[in-house]
Amino acid sequence: MEIGNWMDGFTAAVRQAFGARVYCIGLQGSRARGEANEDSDIDVVVILDEWRAEDWPRYEAVLDSLPGRDKVCGFVSGKRELLAWEPSELFGFYYDTKPWYGDLEALKARFGMADARRAVRIGACGIYHACAHNRLHEKSEEMLRGLYKSAFFTLRAAHYCRTGAFVHTKRALLPLLDGEEREILAAGMGDADGSFAGQSETLLTWASSLIQTYTE
């Protein structure tokens, strides 16, 4: 699937269904970053002037008319809700979204460096909680791999807080990191080494440090 062609068709179908109500259509995730494989989700964003009850079946009909329906996921919202969203989430949302129609420039005034720092702390708290639970109870190698993979988003936000530069891809971020951070990102990219307990401890120690560093 050529994602550019798919997004062009998706955009045309959404605009035909909703007309002038469409504020922004975008692409997120691995396909937006150029890191996707053939099984990757198609993570799309659709923002309307407002999201109404009758919009659900209309949007579902759009999705059902397109190839690759089983891979489509993503975010829908009205413009007002988005502009009032939690700022620490808007930080990642803005930089993660590749607009295909319209833009998200109005979001830039809604978050700042304090919100990026909060995004780091929230991300680290989530990883710590899930990793501790998994270490004691689930003992799942798959879950641990998923946590290493998701650590990319927190690593990226922490790098932004230190440098003011937002790095979109794992490949571009990796050479900018060193030590434990580089080890964690490399593991999330498939270059993991060590025992389940050892890898869990590495992730917990890193997350603990961020939680304590990025306090409000």
N, C-alpha and C. Protein backbone atom coordinates (compact mmCIF):
# COMPACT_ATOMS: atom_id res chain seq x y z
N MET A 1 0.84 -1.20 0.00
CA MET A 1 0.00 0.00 0.00
C MET A 1 0.88 1.25 0.00
N GLU A 2 0.68 2.13 -0.96
CA GLU A 2 1.40 3.40 -1.01
C GLU A 2 0.59 4.41 -0.20
N ILE A 3 1.15 4.82 0.94
CA ILE A 3 0.36 5.58 1.90
C ILE A 3 -0.05 6.95 1.36
N GLY A 4 0.78 7.54 0.51
CA GLY A 4 0.40 8.83 -0.05
C GLY A 4 -0.86 8.75 -0.89
N ASN A 5 -0.94 7.73 -1.74
CA ASN A 5 -2.14 7.54 -2.56
C ASN A 5 -3.34 7.23 -1.68
N TRP A 6 -3.11 6.39 -0.65
CA TRP A 6 -4.24 6.04 0.23
C TRP A 6 -4.75 7.28 0.95
N MET A 7 -3.85 8.11 1.45
CA MET A 7 -4.27 9.32 2.16
C MET A 7 -4.98 10.30 1.24
N ASP A 8 -4.55 10.38 0.00
CA ASP A 8 -5.25 11.25 -0.96
C ASP A 8 -6.70 10.78 -1.14
N GLY A 9 -6.88 9.46 -1.28
CA GLY A 9 -8.23 8.93 -1.43
C GLY A 9 -9.05 9.11 -0.17
N PHE A 10 -8.43 8.88 0.97
CA PHE A 10 -9.11 9.07 2.26
C PHE A 10 -9.54 10.52 2.44
N THR A 11 -8.64 11.44 2.14
CA THR A 11 -8.94 12.86 2.29
C THR A 11 -10.09 13.28 1.39
N ALA A 12 -10.09 12.82 0.15
CA ALA A 12 -11.17 13.16 -0.77
C ALA A 12 -12.50 12.61 -0.27
N ALA A 13 -12.49 11.38 0.28
CA ALA A 13 -13.72 10.77 0.76
C ALA A 13 -14.26 11.48 1.99
N VAL A 14 -13.37 11.88 2.90
CA VAL A 14 -13.80 12.60 4.10
C VAL A 14 -14.36 13.97 3.74
N ARG A 15 -13.70 14.66 2.83
CA ARG A 15 -14.18 15.98 2.44
C ARG A 15 -15.51 15.90 1.68
N GLN A 16 -15.68 14.84 0.92
CA GLN A 16 -16.96 14.67 0.23
C GLN A 16 -18.08 14.41 1.24
N ALA A 17 -17.77 13.66 2.29
CA ALA A 17 -18.79 13.32 3.29
C ALA A 17 -19.12 14.49 4.20
N PHE A 18 -18.13 15.33 4.53
CA PHE A 18 -18.34 16.37 5.54
C PHE A 18 -18.18 17.80 5.03
N GLY A 19 -17.73 17.96 3.80
CA GLY A 19 -17.69 19.28 3.19
C GLY A 19 -16.88 20.29 3.96
N ALA A 20 -17.44 21.49 4.10
CA ALA A 20 -16.73 22.60 4.72
C ALA A 20 -16.53 22.42 6.21
N ARG A 21 -17.13 21.39 6.79
CA ARG A 21 -16.97 21.15 8.22
C ARG A 21 -15.59 20.59 8.57
N VAL A 22 -14.82 20.14 7.58
CA VAL A 22 -13.52 19.54 7.85
C VAL A 22 -12.51 20.63 8.20
N TYR A 23 -11.91 20.52 9.39
CA TYR A 23 -10.88 21.46 9.84
C TYR A 23 -9.48 20.94 9.51
N CYS A 24 -9.25 19.67 9.78
CA CYS A 24 -7.93 19.12 9.51
C CYS A 24 -8.02 17.60 9.31
N ILE A 25 -7.24 17.09 8.39
CA ILE A 25 -7.05 15.65 8.19
C ILE A 25 -5.55 15.40 8.23
N GLY A 26 -5.13 14.40 8.99
CA GLY A 26 -3.70 14.16 9.11
C GLY A 26 -3.36 12.69 9.29
N LEU A 27 -2.08 12.42 9.27
CA LEU A 27 -1.55 11.07 9.43
C LEU A 27 -0.57 11.07 10.59
N GLN A 28 -0.65 10.03 11.43
CA GLN A 28 0.26 9.89 12.56
C GLN A 28 0.92 8.52 12.52
N GLY A 29 1.73 8.24 13.55
CA GLY A 29 2.27 6.91 13.73
C GLY A 29 3.42 6.58 12.79
N SER A 30 3.69 5.29 12.69
CA SER A 30 4.86 4.83 11.94
C SER A 30 4.78 5.18 10.45
N ARG A 31 3.56 5.25 9.90
CA ARG A 31 3.44 5.59 8.47
C ARG A 31 3.78 7.06 8.24
N ALA A 32 3.45 7.91 9.17
CA ALA A 32 3.83 9.32 9.04
C ALA A 32 5.33 9.50 9.20
N ARG A 33 5.95 8.66 10.05
CA ARG A 33 7.39 8.78 10.30
C ARG A 33 8.24 8.06 9.26
N GLY A 34 7.60 7.29 8.36
CA GLY A 34 8.35 6.53 7.38
C GLY A 34 9.00 5.30 7.99
N GLU A 35 8.43 4.77 9.08
CA GLU A 35 8.99 3.61 9.77
C GLU A 35 8.04 2.42 9.73
N ALA A 36 7.07 2.43 8.84
CA ALA A 36 6.03 1.40 8.82
C ALA A 36 6.48 0.17 8.05
N ASN A 37 5.83 -0.95 8.35
CA ASN A 37 5.92 -2.14 7.52
C ASN A 37 4.52 -2.42 6.97
N GLU A 38 4.37 -3.48 6.21
CA GLU A 38 3.10 -3.73 5.53
C GLU A 38 1.96 -4.01 6.50
N ASP A 39 2.28 -4.41 7.73
CA ASP A 39 1.24 -4.71 8.72
C ASP A 39 0.94 -3.55 9.65
N SER A 40 1.61 -2.43 9.47
CA SER A 40 1.43 -1.30 10.37
C SER A 40 0.03 -0.69 10.25
N ASP A 41 -0.45 -0.15 11.36
CA ASP A 41 -1.72 0.57 11.35
C ASP A 41 -1.64 1.81 10.46
N ILE A 42 -2.80 2.23 9.99
CA ILE A 42 -2.93 3.52 9.32
C ILE A 42 -3.59 4.45 10.33
N ASP A 43 -2.78 5.28 10.95
CA ASP A 43 -3.23 6.08 12.10
C ASP A 43 -3.61 7.48 11.61
N VAL A 44 -4.91 7.71 11.44
CA VAL A 44 -5.38 8.95 10.83
C VAL A 44 -6.05 9.87 11.85
N VAL A 45 -6.04 11.14 11.55
CA VAL A 45 -6.66 12.17 12.37
C VAL A 45 -7.71 12.88 11.52
N VAL A 46 -8.91 13.02 12.08
CA VAL A 46 -9.95 13.81 11.42
C VAL A 46 -10.54 14.77 12.45
N ILE A 47 -10.41 16.06 12.20
CA ILE A 47 -10.97 17.09 13.07
C ILE A 47 -12.04 17.85 12.29
N LEU A 48 -13.25 17.85 12.82
CA LEU A 48 -14.36 18.60 12.22
C LEU A 48 -14.64 19.86 13.03
N ASP A 49 -15.53 20.70 12.54
CA ASP A 49 -15.92 21.88 13.29
C ASP A 49 -16.47 21.49 14.66
N GLU A 50 -17.24 20.42 14.69
CA GLU A 50 -17.71 19.77 15.91
C GLU A 50 -18.04 18.33 15.55
N TRP A 51 -18.00 17.46 16.55
CA TRP A 51 -18.31 16.06 16.28
C TRP A 51 -19.70 15.76 16.81
N ARG A 52 -20.60 15.36 15.92
CA ARG A 52 -22.00 15.12 16.25
C ARG A 52 -22.32 13.64 16.25
N ALA A 53 -23.42 13.28 16.89
CA ALA A 53 -23.80 11.87 16.96
C ALA A 53 -23.98 11.26 15.58
N GLU A 54 -24.53 12.03 14.65
CA GLU A 54 -24.77 11.49 13.31
C GLU A 54 -23.49 11.36 12.49
N ASP A 55 -22.37 11.88 13.00
CA ASP A 55 -21.12 11.78 12.25
C ASP A 55 -20.49 10.39 12.35
N TRP A 56 -20.81 9.63 13.39
CA TRP A 56 -20.23 8.30 13.53
C TRP A 56 -20.55 7.39 12.35
N PRO A 57 -21.83 7.16 12.04
CA PRO A 57 -22.11 6.27 10.91
C PRO A 57 -21.62 6.83 9.57
N ARG A 58 -21.62 8.14 9.42
CA ARG A 58 -21.13 8.72 8.17
C ARG A 58 -19.63 8.47 8.02
N TYR A 59 -18.90 8.63 9.10
CA TYR A 59 -17.45 8.39 9.05
C TYR A 59 -17.16 6.90 8.87
N GLU A 60 -17.92 6.05 9.54
CA GLU A 60 -17.75 4.61 9.37
C GLU A 60 -17.98 4.19 7.93
N ALA A 61 -18.95 4.82 7.27
CA ALA A 61 -19.21 4.51 5.86
C ALA A 61 -18.02 4.91 4.99
N VAL A 62 -17.39 6.04 5.32
CA VAL A 62 -16.18 6.45 4.59
C VAL A 62 -15.10 5.39 4.75
N LEU A 63 -14.86 4.97 5.97
CA LEU A 63 -13.80 3.98 6.23
C LEU A 63 -14.10 2.65 5.54
N ASP A 64 -15.34 2.24 5.58
CA ASP A 64 -15.73 0.96 4.98
C ASP A 64 -15.60 0.96 3.46
N SER A 65 -15.55 2.14 2.88
CA SER A 65 -15.46 2.24 1.42
C SER A 65 -14.02 2.17 0.91
N LEU A 66 -13.06 2.15 1.83
CA LEU A 66 -11.65 2.26 1.45
C LEU A 66 -10.91 0.94 1.63
N PRO A 67 -9.87 0.71 0.84
CA PRO A 67 -9.04 -0.48 1.05
C PRO A 67 -8.27 -0.36 2.35
N GLY A 68 -7.92 -1.48 2.95
CA GLY A 68 -7.14 -1.48 4.17
C GLY A 68 -7.92 -1.08 5.40
N ARG A 69 -9.25 -1.24 5.34
CA ARG A 69 -10.10 -0.82 6.47
C ARG A 69 -9.66 -1.46 7.79
N ASP A 70 -9.19 -2.70 7.75
CA ASP A 70 -8.82 -3.40 8.98
C ASP A 70 -7.58 -2.82 9.65
N LYS A 71 -6.85 -1.99 8.93
CA LYS A 71 -5.63 -1.38 9.49
C LYS A 71 -5.86 0.03 10.00
N VAL A 72 -7.03 0.61 9.72
CA VAL A 72 -7.26 2.01 10.05
C VAL A 72 -7.60 2.17 11.53
N CYS A 73 -6.92 3.11 12.16
CA CYS A 73 -7.25 3.52 13.53
C CYS A 73 -7.05 5.03 13.59
N GLY A 74 -7.06 5.60 14.78
CA GLY A 74 -6.76 7.01 14.86
C GLY A 74 -7.72 7.81 15.72
N PHE A 75 -7.67 9.13 15.52
CA PHE A 75 -8.30 10.10 16.41
C PHE A 75 -9.31 10.94 15.65
N VAL A 76 -10.48 11.13 16.25
CA VAL A 76 -11.48 12.05 15.71
C VAL A 76 -11.90 13.01 16.82
N SER A 77 -12.26 14.23 16.43
CA SER A 77 -12.64 15.21 17.44
C SER A 77 -13.29 16.40 16.75
N GLY A 78 -13.98 17.20 17.56
CA GLY A 78 -14.37 18.52 17.13
C GLY A 78 -13.24 19.50 17.43
N LYS A 79 -13.23 20.63 16.74
CA LYS A 79 -12.17 21.62 16.90
C LYS A 79 -12.13 22.18 18.31
N ARG A 80 -13.29 22.45 18.91
CA ARG A 80 -13.31 23.05 20.24
C ARG A 80 -12.70 22.13 21.28
N GLU A 81 -13.04 20.85 21.22
CA GLU A 81 -12.47 19.90 22.19
C GLU A 81 -10.95 19.86 22.04
N LEU A 82 -10.48 19.82 20.79
CA LEU A 82 -9.04 19.72 20.56
C LEU A 82 -8.31 20.94 21.11
N LEU A 83 -8.84 22.13 20.88
CA LEU A 83 -8.18 23.34 21.36
C LEU A 83 -8.18 23.43 22.88
N ALA A 84 -9.10 22.71 23.52
CA ALA A 84 -9.18 22.72 24.99
C ALA A 84 -8.52 21.49 25.61
N TRP A 85 -7.82 20.71 24.80
CA TRP A 85 -7.24 19.43 25.26
C TRP A 85 -6.12 19.67 26.27
N GLU A 86 -5.80 18.64 27.04
CA GLU A 86 -4.68 18.68 27.96
C GLU A 86 -3.40 19.10 27.21
N PRO A 87 -2.76 20.22 27.62
CA PRO A 87 -1.63 20.74 26.85
C PRO A 87 -0.45 19.78 26.71
N SER A 88 -0.19 18.95 27.72
CA SER A 88 0.93 18.01 27.61
C SER A 88 0.69 16.98 26.53
N GLU A 89 -0.57 16.67 26.24
CA GLU A 89 -0.90 15.77 25.15
C GLU A 89 -0.88 16.49 23.81
N LEU A 90 -1.27 17.76 23.82
CA LEU A 90 -1.24 18.54 22.57
C LEU A 90 0.18 18.69 22.05
N PHE A 91 1.16 18.76 22.95
CA PHE A 91 2.57 18.85 22.54
C PHE A 91 2.92 17.71 21.59
N GLY A 92 2.67 16.47 22.02
CA GLY A 92 2.97 15.33 21.18
C GLY A 92 2.07 15.24 19.96
N PHE A 93 0.80 15.56 20.15
CA PHE A 93 -0.17 15.48 19.07
C PHE A 93 0.22 16.40 17.91
N TYR A 94 0.61 17.62 18.25
CA TYR A 94 0.98 18.59 17.21
C TYR A 94 2.17 18.09 16.40
N TYR A 95 3.22 17.68 17.08
CA TYR A 95 4.43 17.28 16.37
C TYR A 95 4.30 15.92 15.70
N ASP A 96 3.41 15.09 16.21
CA ASP A 96 3.24 13.74 15.64
C ASP A 96 2.35 13.71 14.41
N THR A 97 1.59 14.76 14.19
CA THR A 97 0.60 14.75 13.11
C THR A 97 1.16 15.39 11.84
N LYS A 98 1.10 14.65 10.75
CA LYS A 98 1.48 15.17 9.44
C LYS A 98 0.20 15.60 8.72
N PRO A 99 -0.08 16.90 8.65
CA PRO A 99 -1.34 17.34 8.04
C PRO A 99 -1.41 16.97 6.55
N TRP A 100 -2.59 16.51 6.16
CA TRP A 100 -2.85 16.20 4.74
C TRP A 100 -3.82 17.21 4.14
N TYR A 101 -4.66 17.75 5.01
CA TYR A 101 -5.58 18.82 4.60
C TYR A 101 -5.75 19.72 5.82
N GLY A 102 -5.71 21.03 5.60
CA GLY A 102 -5.79 21.95 6.73
C GLY A 102 -4.48 21.95 7.51
N ASP A 103 -4.53 22.48 8.72
CA ASP A 103 -3.32 22.50 9.55
C ASP A 103 -3.72 22.55 11.03
N LEU A 104 -2.73 22.43 11.87
CA LEU A 104 -2.94 22.44 13.32
C LEU A 104 -2.17 23.58 13.98
N GLU A 105 -1.89 24.63 13.23
CA GLU A 105 -1.06 25.71 13.74
C GLU A 105 -1.68 26.40 14.96
N ALA A 106 -3.01 26.37 15.08
CA ALA A 106 -3.66 27.00 16.23
C ALA A 106 -3.28 26.31 17.53
N LEU A 107 -2.79 25.08 17.46
CA LEU A 107 -2.42 24.36 18.68
C LEU A 107 -1.14 24.88 19.31
N LYS A 108 -0.26 25.49 18.53
CA LYS A 108 1.06 25.87 19.03
C LYS A 108 0.98 26.85 20.19
N ALA A 109 -0.06 27.66 20.21
CA ALA A 109 -0.22 28.61 21.31
C ALA A 109 -0.77 27.95 22.58
N ARG A 110 -1.12 26.67 22.48
CA ARG A 110 -1.77 26.00 23.61
C ARG A 110 -0.81 25.19 24.48
N PHE A 111 0.45 25.09 24.10
CA PHE A 111 1.41 24.35 24.93
C PHE A 111 2.76 25.03 24.90
N GLY A 112 3.55 24.74 25.93
CA GLY A 112 4.89 25.31 26.02
C GLY A 112 5.85 24.29 26.62
N MET A 113 7.04 24.74 27.01
CA MET A 113 8.05 23.83 27.53
C MET A 113 7.60 23.14 28.81
N ALA A 114 6.85 23.83 29.64
CA ALA A 114 6.35 23.19 30.87
C ALA A 114 5.46 22.01 30.54
N ASP A 115 4.71 22.11 29.46
CA ASP A 115 3.84 21.01 29.04
C ASP A 115 4.64 19.86 28.46
N ALA A 116 5.72 20.18 27.77
CA ALA A 116 6.61 19.12 27.27
C ALA A 116 7.24 18.37 28.44
N ARG A 117 7.64 19.10 29.48
CA ARG A 117 8.19 18.45 30.68
C ARG A 117 7.14 17.57 31.36
N ARG A 118 5.93 18.05 31.39
CA ARG A 118 4.85 17.25 31.97
C ARG A 118 4.62 15.99 31.14
N ALA A 119 4.74 16.09 29.83
CA ALA A 119 4.59 14.92 28.96
C ALA A 119 5.65 13.87 29.27
N VAL A 120 6.88 14.31 29.56
CA VAL A 120 7.95 13.38 29.94
C VAL A 120 7.57 12.67 31.23
N ARG A 121 7.14 13.42 32.22
CA ARG A 121 6.83 12.82 33.53
C ARG A 121 5.66 11.86 33.44
N ILE A 122 4.62 12.24 32.71
CA ILE A 122 3.47 11.35 32.55
C ILE A 122 3.87 10.07 31.82
N GLY A 123 4.67 10.23 30.76
CA GLY A 123 5.13 9.05 30.03
C GLY A 123 5.96 8.13 30.90
N ALA A 124 6.89 8.71 31.69
CA ALA A 124 7.73 7.91 32.56
C ALA A 124 6.92 7.22 33.65
N CYS A 125 5.93 7.91 34.19
CA CYS A 125 5.07 7.30 35.21
C CYS A 125 4.32 6.10 34.65
N GLY A 126 3.79 6.25 33.44
CA GLY A 126 3.07 5.15 32.80
C GLY A 126 3.95 3.95 32.55
N ILE A 127 5.18 4.20 32.09
CA ILE A 127 6.12 3.11 31.83
C ILE A 127 6.53 2.42 33.13
N TYR A 128 6.81 3.22 34.16
CA TYR A 128 7.21 2.64 35.45
C TYR A 128 6.11 1.74 36.00
N HIS A 129 4.88 2.26 36.00
CA HIS A 129 3.74 1.50 36.53
C HIS A 129 3.56 0.18 35.79
N ALA A 130 3.54 0.25 34.46
CA ALA A 130 3.32 -0.95 33.66
C ALA A 130 4.47 -1.94 33.80
N CYS A 131 5.70 -1.41 33.85
CA CYS A 131 6.87 -2.29 33.94
C CYS A 131 6.91 -2.99 35.30
N ALA A 132 6.61 -2.27 36.38
CA ALA A 132 6.58 -2.88 37.71
C ALA A 132 5.51 -3.96 37.79
N HIS A 133 4.33 -3.66 37.25
CA HIS A 133 3.25 -4.66 37.24
C HIS A 133 3.67 -5.90 36.45
N ASN A 134 4.26 -5.67 35.30
CA ASN A 134 4.68 -6.79 34.46
C ASN A 134 5.79 -7.61 35.13
N ARG A 135 6.72 -6.92 35.78
CA ARG A 135 7.83 -7.62 36.44
C ARG A 135 7.33 -8.57 37.53
N LEU A 136 6.30 -8.15 38.26
CA LEU A 136 5.81 -8.94 39.38
C LEU A 136 4.72 -9.93 39.01
N HIS A 137 3.86 -9.57 38.06
CA HIS A 137 2.63 -10.33 37.86
C HIS A 137 2.53 -10.98 36.49
N GLU A 138 2.55 -10.20 35.43
CA GLU A 138 2.37 -10.77 34.09
C GLU A 138 3.60 -11.57 33.64
N LYS A 139 4.77 -11.01 33.93
CA LYS A 139 6.04 -11.63 33.54
C LYS A 139 6.06 -11.93 32.03
N SER A 140 5.59 -10.94 31.26
CA SER A 140 5.43 -11.11 29.83
C SER A 140 6.58 -10.45 29.06
N GLU A 141 7.31 -11.25 28.31
CA GLU A 141 8.36 -10.72 27.45
C GLU A 141 7.77 -9.79 26.39
N GLU A 142 6.61 -10.16 25.87
CA GLU A 142 5.96 -9.35 24.84
C GLU A 142 5.57 -7.98 25.39
N MET A 143 5.03 -7.95 26.61
CA MET A 143 4.66 -6.68 27.21
C MET A 143 5.90 -5.81 27.44
N LEU A 144 6.98 -6.44 27.87
CA LEU A 144 8.21 -5.69 28.10
C LEU A 144 8.74 -5.11 26.79
N ARG A 145 8.68 -5.88 25.72
CA ARG A 145 9.10 -5.36 24.41
C ARG A 145 8.24 -4.17 24.01
N GLY A 146 6.95 -4.26 24.29
CA GLY A 146 6.06 -3.15 23.97
C GLY A 146 6.39 -1.89 24.76
N LEU A 147 6.79 -2.06 26.02
CA LEU A 147 7.17 -0.90 26.84
C LEU A 147 8.45 -0.26 26.33
N TYR A 148 9.41 -1.08 25.93
CA TYR A 148 10.63 -0.52 25.34
C TYR A 148 10.30 0.23 24.05
N LYS A 149 9.41 -0.33 23.28
CA LYS A 149 9.03 0.32 22.02
C LYS A 149 8.36 1.67 22.28
N SER A 150 7.47 1.70 23.27
CA SER A 150 6.75 2.94 23.57
C SER A 150 7.63 3.98 24.26
N ALA A 151 8.77 3.54 24.82
CA ALA A 151 9.68 4.49 25.48
C ALA A 151 10.20 5.55 24.51
N PHE A 152 10.17 5.27 23.22
CA PHE A 152 10.60 6.24 22.21
C PHE A 152 9.92 7.59 22.40
N PHE A 153 8.62 7.59 22.69
CA PHE A 153 7.89 8.84 22.78
C PHE A 153 8.35 9.67 23.98
N THR A 154 8.66 9.00 25.07
CA THR A 154 9.16 9.71 26.25
C THR A 154 10.60 10.17 26.04
N LEU A 155 11.42 9.33 25.41
CA LEU A 155 12.79 9.72 25.08
C LEU A 155 12.80 10.95 24.17
N ARG A 156 11.91 10.95 23.21
CA ARG A 156 11.83 12.07 22.26
C ARG A 156 11.42 13.36 22.96
N ALA A 157 10.45 13.26 23.86
CA ALA A 157 10.02 14.44 24.61
C ALA A 157 11.12 14.95 25.53
N ALA A 158 11.87 14.03 26.16
CA ALA A 158 12.97 14.44 27.02
C ALA A 158 14.07 15.14 26.22
N HIS A 159 14.35 14.61 25.03
CA HIS A 159 15.34 15.25 24.16
C HIS A 159 14.88 16.65 23.77
N TYR A 160 13.60 16.81 23.49
CA TYR A 160 13.05 18.13 23.17
C TYR A 160 13.24 19.09 24.34
N CYS A 161 12.99 18.61 25.55
CA CYS A 161 13.12 19.46 26.73
C CYS A 161 14.57 19.92 26.92
N ARG A 162 15.52 19.07 26.58
CA ARG A 162 16.93 19.42 26.74
C ARG A 162 17.44 20.33 25.63
N THR A 163 16.92 20.15 24.42
CA THR A 163 17.52 20.82 23.26
C THR A 163 16.59 21.78 22.53
N GLY A 164 15.29 21.65 22.72
CA GLY A 164 14.33 22.45 21.96
C GLY A 164 14.09 21.93 20.56
N ALA A 165 14.66 20.77 20.22
CA ALA A 165 14.50 20.19 18.88
C ALA A 165 13.62 18.95 18.97
N PHE A 166 12.61 18.88 18.13
CA PHE A 166 11.74 17.71 18.09
C PHE A 166 12.21 16.78 16.97
N VAL A 167 12.61 15.58 17.33
CA VAL A 167 13.13 14.60 16.37
C VAL A 167 12.02 13.59 16.09
N HIS A 168 11.64 13.45 14.84
CA HIS A 168 10.45 12.68 14.52
C HIS A 168 10.66 11.17 14.51
N THR A 169 11.83 10.69 14.14
CA THR A 169 11.99 9.26 13.92
C THR A 169 12.99 8.64 14.89
N LYS A 170 12.84 7.34 15.08
CA LYS A 170 13.76 6.60 15.94
C LYS A 170 15.17 6.60 15.36
N ARG A 171 15.26 6.42 14.06
CA ARG A 171 16.58 6.37 13.41
C ARG A 171 17.33 7.68 13.58
N ALA A 172 16.61 8.80 13.51
CA ALA A 172 17.26 10.11 13.67
C ALA A 172 17.60 10.40 15.13
N LEU A 173 16.80 9.89 16.05
CA LEU A 173 17.03 10.17 17.46
C LEU A 173 18.17 9.33 18.03
N LEU A 174 18.32 8.10 17.57
CA LEU A 174 19.29 7.18 18.16
C LEU A 174 20.70 7.76 18.28
N PRO A 175 21.28 8.33 17.21
CA PRO A 175 22.66 8.84 17.34
C PRO A 175 22.78 10.09 18.22
N LEU A 176 21.66 10.69 18.57
CA LEU A 176 21.68 11.88 19.43
C LEU A 176 21.68 11.52 20.91
N LEU A 177 21.47 10.25 21.21
CA LEU A 177 21.41 9.78 22.59
C LEU A 177 22.70 9.03 22.94
N ASP A 178 22.93 8.87 24.23
CA ASP A 178 24.04 8.04 24.66
C ASP A 178 23.67 7.32 25.95
N GLY A 179 24.53 6.42 26.36
CA GLY A 179 24.34 5.71 27.61
C GLY A 179 23.04 4.94 27.67
N GLU A 180 22.37 5.04 28.82
CA GLU A 180 21.15 4.29 29.08
C GLU A 180 20.04 4.64 28.10
N GLU A 181 19.92 5.91 27.74
CA GLU A 181 18.88 6.31 26.80
C GLU A 181 19.07 5.64 25.45
N ARG A 182 20.29 5.62 24.98
CA ARG A 182 20.55 4.98 23.68
C ARG A 182 20.27 3.48 23.76
N GLU A 183 20.63 2.86 24.86
CA GLU A 183 20.38 1.43 25.05
C GLU A 183 18.88 1.13 25.02
N ILE A 184 18.10 1.98 25.66
CA ILE A 184 16.66 1.76 25.72
C ILE A 184 16.03 1.94 24.34
N LEU A 185 16.41 2.98 23.62
CA LEU A 185 15.85 3.17 22.28
C LEU A 185 16.26 2.04 21.35
N ALA A 186 17.52 1.63 21.42
CA ALA A 186 17.99 0.53 20.57
C ALA A 186 17.20 -0.74 20.87
N ALA A 187 16.93 -1.01 22.15
CA ALA A 187 16.14 -2.18 22.52
C ALA A 187 14.73 -2.08 21.95
N GLY A 188 14.16 -0.87 21.98
CA GLY A 188 12.83 -0.67 21.42
C GLY A 188 12.79 -0.84 19.92
N MET A 189 13.95 -0.71 19.27
CA MET A 189 14.05 -0.89 17.82
C MET A 189 14.40 -2.33 17.45
N GLY A 190 14.48 -3.18 18.47
CA GLY A 190 14.70 -4.60 18.20
C GLY A 190 16.06 -5.12 18.57
N ASP A 191 16.91 -4.25 19.13
CA ASP A 191 18.27 -4.66 19.49
C ASP A 191 18.37 -4.86 21.00
N ALA A 192 17.52 -5.73 21.53
CA ALA A 192 17.46 -5.97 22.97
C ALA A 192 18.46 -7.04 23.36
N ASP A 193 18.99 -6.90 24.57
CA ASP A 193 19.94 -7.88 25.07
C ASP A 193 19.78 -7.98 26.58
N GLY A 194 19.89 -9.19 27.13
CA GLY A 194 19.80 -9.36 28.57
C GLY A 194 18.58 -10.14 28.98
N SER A 195 18.50 -10.44 30.26
CA SER A 195 17.41 -11.23 30.81
C SER A 195 16.17 -10.38 30.99
N PHE A 196 15.05 -11.05 31.22
CA PHE A 196 13.80 -10.34 31.50
C PHE A 196 13.95 -9.44 32.72
N ALA A 197 14.54 -9.98 33.79
CA ALA A 197 14.71 -9.19 35.01
C ALA A 197 15.65 -8.02 34.77
N GLY A 198 16.74 -8.25 34.05
CA GLY A 198 17.70 -7.19 33.79
C GLY A 198 17.12 -6.09 32.92
N GLN A 199 16.41 -6.46 31.88
CA GLN A 199 15.80 -5.46 31.02
C GLN A 199 14.72 -4.68 31.76
N SER A 200 13.97 -5.36 32.61
CA SER A 200 12.95 -4.68 33.42
C SER A 200 13.60 -3.66 34.34
N GLU A 201 14.70 -4.05 34.98
CA GLU A 201 15.37 -3.15 35.92
C GLU A 201 15.93 -1.93 35.20
N THR A 202 16.47 -2.13 34.00
CA THR A 202 16.98 -0.99 33.23
C THR A 202 15.88 0.02 32.95
N LEU A 203 14.73 -0.47 32.53
CA LEU A 203 13.62 0.41 32.20
C LEU A 203 13.07 1.10 33.45
N LEU A 204 12.97 0.37 34.55
CA LEU A 204 12.47 0.94 35.80
C LEU A 204 13.40 2.02 36.34
N THR A 205 14.70 1.77 36.28
CA THR A 205 15.67 2.74 36.78
C THR A 205 15.62 4.03 35.96
N TRP A 206 15.54 3.88 34.65
CA TRP A 206 15.45 5.04 33.77
C TRP A 206 14.18 5.84 34.03
N ALA A 207 13.04 5.14 34.10
CA ALA A 207 11.77 5.82 34.32
C ALA A 207 11.75 6.51 35.68
N SER A 208 12.29 5.86 36.70
CA SER A 208 12.36 6.45 38.03
C SER A 208 13.15 7.77 38.02
N SER A 209 14.27 7.76 37.31
CA SER A 209 15.08 8.97 37.22
C SER A 209 14.32 10.11 36.56
N LEU A 210 13.59 9.81 35.49
CA LEU A 210 12.82 10.86 34.81
C LEU A 210 11.71 11.39 35.70
N ILE A 211 11.03 10.50 36.41
CA ILE A 211 9.93 10.93 37.30
C ILE A 211 10.44 11.93 38.31
N GLN A 212 11.62 11.68 38.85
CA GLN A 212 12.18 12.57 39.86
C GLN A 212 12.77 13.84 39.27
N THR A 213 13.26 13.76 38.05
CA THR A 213 13.87 14.93 37.41
C THR A 213 12.84 15.90 36.87
N TYR A 214 11.80 15.35 36.23
CA TYR A 214 10.82 16.20 35.56
C TYR A 214 9.61 16.45 36.46
N THR A 215 9.88 17.01 37.63
CA THR A 215 8.81 17.39 38.54
C THR A 215 8.34 18.79 38.20
N GLU A 216 7.12 19.08 38.56
CA GLU A 216 6.57 20.40 38.25
C GLU A 216 7.13 21.44 39.23
